[in-house]
Amino acid sequence: MRKLYQREWHGIAFESFTKISSTKLADSAFYSPFYKVFFKKYKGISNLDPIWLRHKLQTVEFLKKHSEFKNECRILSIGCGLGIIEKNLIDEGYKNLEITEVSKEPLQWLLPYIAPENVHIGFFPGCISADRSYDFIYLSSVEYFFNQDQLIDLLKAVIKHLAPAGTCLMIDCAFESNKSAQQAITGIKDLAKFLLDKTGFRKRGQFWGYIRNRRDLYQAMVSAGFKQINDGVFEKKTCGNTYWIEGSKQ
């Protein structure tokens, strides 16, 4: 696992609206002004980067083909962000879909299409009633925000909210290959960026989270207590190497 840095997102340079930090993760003080700029720039889903959108739609198709992901299932999306995946699933008839998001700010395009009682604002699991359980819980491009111990704790909380035969799926767009040659090259690049940052020649950007490989993600699922773990990579590359891993409660 290694640290991830970003200088822009969706074509919006972070330094255009805030002071960035290479040591502190982006928080509400960062995201609140970001989404104000975002929704001024983008008036609808069709204006977004087509490659990024293609990844989201590929995730929708992957979920729909999953044997445990059925219309009648009680489904929870943790940290849905803009809700592109969720809007498409609702259009496909998944009426029992619920979401969590830390604030309403990124949900502007989704809220008109989802029942208010299916929206849980706050950090999971605190924003969900302790007695609520789901047949299927998925996290799409959420894991990068947490270090390994935090991710394991999050997954343990997921297990508590799964039905006895429930499934958890993680989709990771920040996946890194285990190939030793590639890791060595990446390590050299990271060291160079670190030195440039320390000497003030070039800032690495905003500390954005963590990049993991298969071993990191598999270890997190095992440590959290998941059974029958399966994993793989999307057939077509869209937004980098899109890796998925799933496990069941029993």
Protein backbone atom coordinates (compact mmCIF):
# COMPACT_ATOMS: atom_id res chain seq x y z
CA MET A 1 0.00 0.00 0.00
CA ARG A 2 1.31 3.45 -0.87
CA LYS A 3 0.03 7.00 -0.67
CA LEU A 4 -1.92 8.64 -3.48
CA TYR A 5 -1.75 12.34 -4.39
CA GLN A 6 -3.97 14.40 -6.68
CA ARG A 7 -3.60 17.91 -8.09
CA GLU A 8 -7.00 18.02 -9.80
CA TRP A 9 -10.22 16.04 -10.21
CA HIS A 10 -12.76 16.28 -13.03
CA GLY A 11 -10.55 18.95 -14.57
CA ILE A 12 -10.77 21.20 -11.50
CA ALA A 13 -7.36 22.27 -10.17
CA PHE A 14 -7.44 22.06 -6.37
CA GLU A 15 -5.26 25.13 -5.92
CA SER A 16 -7.88 27.17 -7.77
CA PHE A 17 -10.23 27.05 -4.77
CA THR A 18 -8.23 25.96 -1.69
CA LYS A 19 -4.83 25.39 -0.17
CA ILE A 20 -3.75 21.82 -0.70
CA SER A 21 -1.94 19.55 1.77
CA SER A 22 0.39 16.67 0.98
CA THR A 23 0.08 15.33 4.55
CA LYS A 24 -3.61 15.73 5.48
CA LEU A 25 -6.46 13.90 3.76
CA ALA A 26 -9.14 15.99 2.07
CA ASP A 27 -12.04 16.60 4.46
CA SER A 28 -15.33 18.53 4.50
CA ALA A 29 -13.41 21.84 4.40
CA PHE A 30 -12.00 20.66 1.07
CA TYR A 31 -15.03 18.97 -0.48
CA SER A 32 -17.56 21.70 0.32
CA PRO A 33 -15.91 24.34 -1.92
CA PHE A 34 -14.95 21.65 -4.45
CA TYR A 35 -18.56 20.69 -5.13
CA LYS A 36 -19.58 24.34 -5.44
CA VAL A 37 -17.04 24.70 -8.24
CA PHE A 38 -17.98 21.29 -9.67
CA PHE A 39 -21.69 22.03 -10.08
CA LYS A 40 -20.94 25.41 -11.63
CA LYS A 41 -18.73 23.72 -14.20
CA TYR A 42 -20.95 20.69 -14.90
CA LYS A 43 -24.67 21.15 -15.52
CA GLY A 44 -25.41 17.48 -16.13
CA ILE A 45 -24.02 13.95 -16.26
CA SER A 46 -23.51 14.10 -20.03
CA ASN A 47 -20.86 16.83 -19.57
CA LEU A 48 -18.55 14.57 -17.54
CA ASP A 49 -15.41 12.83 -18.79
CA PRO A 50 -16.67 9.98 -21.05
CA ILE A 51 -13.93 7.60 -19.86
CA TRP A 52 -14.89 8.17 -16.22
CA LEU A 53 -18.57 7.70 -17.10
CA ARG A 54 -17.76 4.51 -19.01
CA HIS A 55 -16.15 3.09 -15.88
CA LYS A 56 -19.29 3.85 -13.85
CA LEU A 57 -21.55 2.25 -16.44
CA GLN A 58 -19.28 -0.78 -16.58
CA THR A 59 -19.70 -1.09 -12.82
CA VAL A 60 -23.50 -0.98 -13.28
CA GLU A 61 -23.32 -3.85 -15.79
CA PHE A 62 -21.02 -5.84 -13.50
CA LEU A 63 -23.47 -5.48 -10.60
CA LYS A 64 -26.50 -6.41 -12.70
CA LYS A 65 -24.79 -9.63 -13.82
CA HIS A 66 -23.92 -10.65 -10.25
CA SER A 67 -25.92 -13.69 -9.16
CA GLU A 68 -26.64 -12.21 -5.70
CA PHE A 69 -27.55 -8.72 -6.93
CA LYS A 70 -31.30 -8.99 -7.53
CA ASN A 71 -34.06 -6.41 -7.87
CA GLU A 72 -35.82 -7.68 -4.77
CA CYS A 73 -32.66 -7.60 -2.63
CA ARG A 74 -32.09 -4.99 0.02
CA ILE A 75 -28.96 -3.21 -1.27
CA LEU A 76 -26.70 -0.60 0.30
CA SER A 77 -24.17 1.59 -1.51
CA ILE A 78 -21.59 3.03 0.90
CA GLY A 79 -20.19 6.41 -0.14
CA CYS A 80 -22.02 6.73 -3.45
CA GLY A 81 -20.54 10.13 -4.36
CA LEU A 82 -22.29 11.71 -7.36
CA GLY A 83 -24.60 8.69 -7.58
CA ILE A 84 -24.01 7.86 -11.26
CA ILE A 85 -24.11 4.11 -10.57
CA GLU A 86 -27.11 4.43 -8.27
CA LYS A 87 -29.16 6.54 -10.70
CA ASN A 88 -28.68 3.90 -13.40
CA LEU A 89 -29.62 1.08 -11.02
CA ILE A 90 -32.79 2.89 -9.95
CA ASP A 91 -33.69 3.33 -13.62
CA GLU A 92 -33.22 -0.44 -14.01
CA GLY A 93 -35.78 -1.15 -11.27
CA TYR A 94 -33.66 -1.55 -8.14
CA LYS A 95 -36.14 0.13 -5.80
CA ASN A 96 -34.68 -1.35 -2.58
CA LEU A 97 -31.40 0.49 -3.07
CA GLU A 98 -30.20 2.65 -0.18
CA ILE A 99 -27.15 4.91 -0.08
CA THR A 100 -24.78 6.53 2.39
CA GLU A 101 -22.79 9.70 1.80
CA VAL A 102 -21.05 11.97 4.30
CA SER A 103 -22.97 15.04 3.09
CA LYS A 104 -25.74 15.96 0.66
CA GLU A 105 -23.45 18.19 -1.40
CA PRO A 106 -22.45 15.63 -4.08
CA LEU A 107 -25.99 14.18 -4.35
CA GLN A 108 -27.56 17.01 -6.33
CA TRP A 109 -28.20 14.84 -9.41
CA LEU A 110 -29.39 11.75 -7.49
CA LEU A 111 -31.78 13.07 -4.83
CA PRO A 112 -34.72 13.69 -7.23
CA TYR A 113 -34.76 9.96 -8.10
CA ILE A 114 -34.35 8.25 -4.73
CA ALA A 115 -36.78 8.06 -1.81
CA PRO A 116 -35.66 10.24 1.14
CA GLU A 117 -35.86 7.29 3.55
CA ASN A 118 -33.26 5.48 1.41
CA VAL A 119 -30.68 8.25 1.88
CA HIS A 120 -28.40 8.10 4.94
CA ILE A 121 -26.18 11.14 5.47
CA GLY A 122 -23.08 10.71 7.63
CA PHE A 123 -20.26 8.26 8.12
CA PHE A 124 -21.00 4.54 7.93
CA PRO A 125 -21.92 2.76 10.15
CA GLY A 126 -23.00 5.64 12.38
CA CYS A 127 -25.55 6.91 9.85
CA ILE A 128 -27.33 3.52 9.70
CA SER A 129 -29.64 2.12 12.39
CA ALA A 130 -27.96 -0.74 14.24
CA ASP A 131 -30.80 -3.15 13.40
CA ARG A 132 -30.75 -2.59 9.61
CA SER A 133 -29.40 -5.44 7.50
CA TYR A 134 -28.83 -5.85 3.78
CA ASP A 135 -28.54 -8.69 1.29
CA PHE A 136 -25.83 -6.91 -0.69
CA ILE A 137 -23.48 -4.07 0.28
CA TYR A 138 -21.07 -2.55 -2.22
CA LEU A 139 -18.32 0.06 -2.03
CA SER A 140 -17.19 1.56 -5.33
CA SER A 141 -13.96 3.60 -5.21
CA VAL A 142 -14.30 4.20 -1.48
CA GLU A 143 -11.51 2.10 0.05
CA TYR A 144 -8.71 4.49 -1.02
CA PHE A 145 -9.70 7.00 1.68
CA PHE A 146 -8.84 4.60 4.54
CA ASN A 147 -5.56 3.22 5.81
CA GLN A 148 -5.40 -0.55 6.27
CA ASP A 149 -6.60 -0.67 9.89
CA GLN A 150 -9.44 1.73 9.12
CA LEU A 151 -10.48 -0.31 6.08
CA ILE A 152 -10.58 -3.50 8.13
CA ASP A 153 -12.73 -1.77 10.78
CA LEU A 154 -15.05 -0.51 8.04
CA LEU A 155 -15.42 -4.02 6.60
CA LYS A 156 -16.12 -5.44 10.07
CA ALA A 157 -18.96 -2.92 10.35
CA VAL A 158 -20.21 -4.05 6.92
CA ILE A 159 -20.43 -7.65 8.15
CA LYS A 160 -22.61 -6.55 11.07
CA HIS A 161 -25.08 -5.00 8.64
CA LEU A 162 -25.22 -7.97 6.25
CA ALA A 163 -28.01 -10.53 6.30
CA PRO A 164 -26.82 -14.08 7.16
CA ALA A 165 -26.29 -14.96 3.49
CA GLY A 166 -25.27 -11.42 2.51
CA THR A 167 -22.47 -10.37 0.14
CA CYS A 168 -20.02 -7.46 0.23
CA LEU A 169 -18.35 -6.23 -2.96
CA MET A 170 -15.51 -3.71 -3.22
CA ILE A 171 -14.59 -2.13 -6.54
CA ASP A 172 -11.19 -0.46 -6.56
CA CYS A 173 -10.22 1.92 -9.36
CA ALA A 174 -6.88 2.78 -7.68
CA PHE A 175 -5.63 -0.80 -7.95
CA GLU A 176 -1.91 -1.49 -8.40
CA SER A 177 -0.34 -4.54 -10.03
CA ASN A 178 1.76 -6.89 -7.89
CA LYS A 179 4.45 -7.14 -10.59
CA SER A 180 7.83 -6.58 -8.90
CA ALA A 181 9.36 -4.68 -11.84
CA GLN A 182 6.46 -2.23 -11.94
CA GLN A 183 6.59 -1.80 -8.15
CA ALA A 184 10.32 -1.02 -8.31
CA ILE A 185 9.79 1.67 -10.96
CA THR A 186 6.89 3.12 -8.98
CA GLY A 187 9.03 3.18 -5.84
CA ILE A 188 11.75 5.17 -7.59
CA LYS A 189 9.19 7.66 -8.95
CA ASP A 190 7.62 8.07 -5.50
CA LEU A 191 11.02 8.75 -3.95
CA ALA A 192 11.79 11.37 -6.60
CA LYS A 193 8.43 13.09 -6.01
CA PHE A 194 9.02 13.01 -2.24
CA LEU A 195 12.43 14.69 -2.63
CA LEU A 196 11.06 17.32 -5.01
CA ASP A 197 8.23 18.04 -2.55
CA LYS A 198 10.60 18.34 0.40
CA THR A 199 12.95 20.67 -1.44
CA GLY A 200 10.06 22.81 -2.67
CA PHE A 201 10.72 22.28 -6.39
CA ARG A 202 7.40 20.56 -7.08
CA LYS A 203 4.48 19.84 -4.80
CA ARG A 204 3.11 16.30 -4.92
CA GLY A 205 -0.46 17.56 -4.64
CA GLN A 206 -3.30 16.89 -2.24
CA PHE A 207 -2.96 13.74 -0.13
CA TRP A 208 -5.86 11.78 -1.63
CA GLY A 209 -5.66 8.36 0.01
CA TYR A 210 -4.00 5.00 -0.57
CA ILE A 211 -3.25 2.78 -3.55
CA ARG A 212 -3.47 -0.95 -2.82
CA ASN A 213 -2.54 -4.17 -4.54
CA ARG A 214 -4.35 -7.51 -4.48
CA ARG A 215 -2.50 -8.68 -1.36
CA ASP A 216 -3.59 -5.59 0.62
CA LEU A 217 -7.25 -5.91 -0.34
CA TYR A 218 -7.39 -9.67 0.15
CA GLN A 219 -5.79 -9.32 3.57
CA ALA A 220 -8.34 -6.69 4.56
CA MET A 221 -11.27 -8.95 3.61
CA VAL A 222 -9.79 -11.93 5.48
CA SER A 223 -8.98 -9.86 8.57
CA ALA A 224 -12.52 -8.48 8.65
CA GLY A 225 -13.91 -12.02 8.75
CA PHE A 226 -15.34 -12.53 5.26
CA LYS A 227 -15.78 -16.04 3.84
CA GLN A 228 -15.81 -17.40 0.27
CA ILE A 229 -13.65 -14.56 -1.04
CA ASN A 230 -13.44 -14.11 -4.81
CA ASP A 231 -11.70 -11.43 -6.86
CA GLY A 232 -10.77 -10.35 -10.36
CA VAL A 233 -10.26 -7.45 -12.78
CA PHE A 234 -12.83 -5.93 -15.14
CA GLU A 235 -12.48 -7.39 -18.63
CA LYS A 236 -11.91 -4.02 -20.30
CA LYS A 237 -9.69 -1.31 -18.88
CA THR A 238 -11.48 1.99 -18.55
CA CYS A 239 -10.27 4.00 -15.54
CA GLY A 240 -6.94 2.30 -14.90
CA ASN A 241 -6.91 -1.24 -13.54
CA THR A 242 -10.40 -1.77 -12.08
CA TYR A 243 -10.18 -4.56 -9.52
CA TRP A 244 -13.06 -6.18 -7.62
CA ILE A 245 -13.13 -8.38 -4.55
CA GLU A 246 -16.12 -9.87 -2.75
CA GLY A 247 -16.85 -11.96 0.30
CA SER A 248 -19.84 -13.40 2.09
CA LYS A 249 -20.86 -13.27 5.74
CA GLN A 250 -20.95 -17.04 6.06
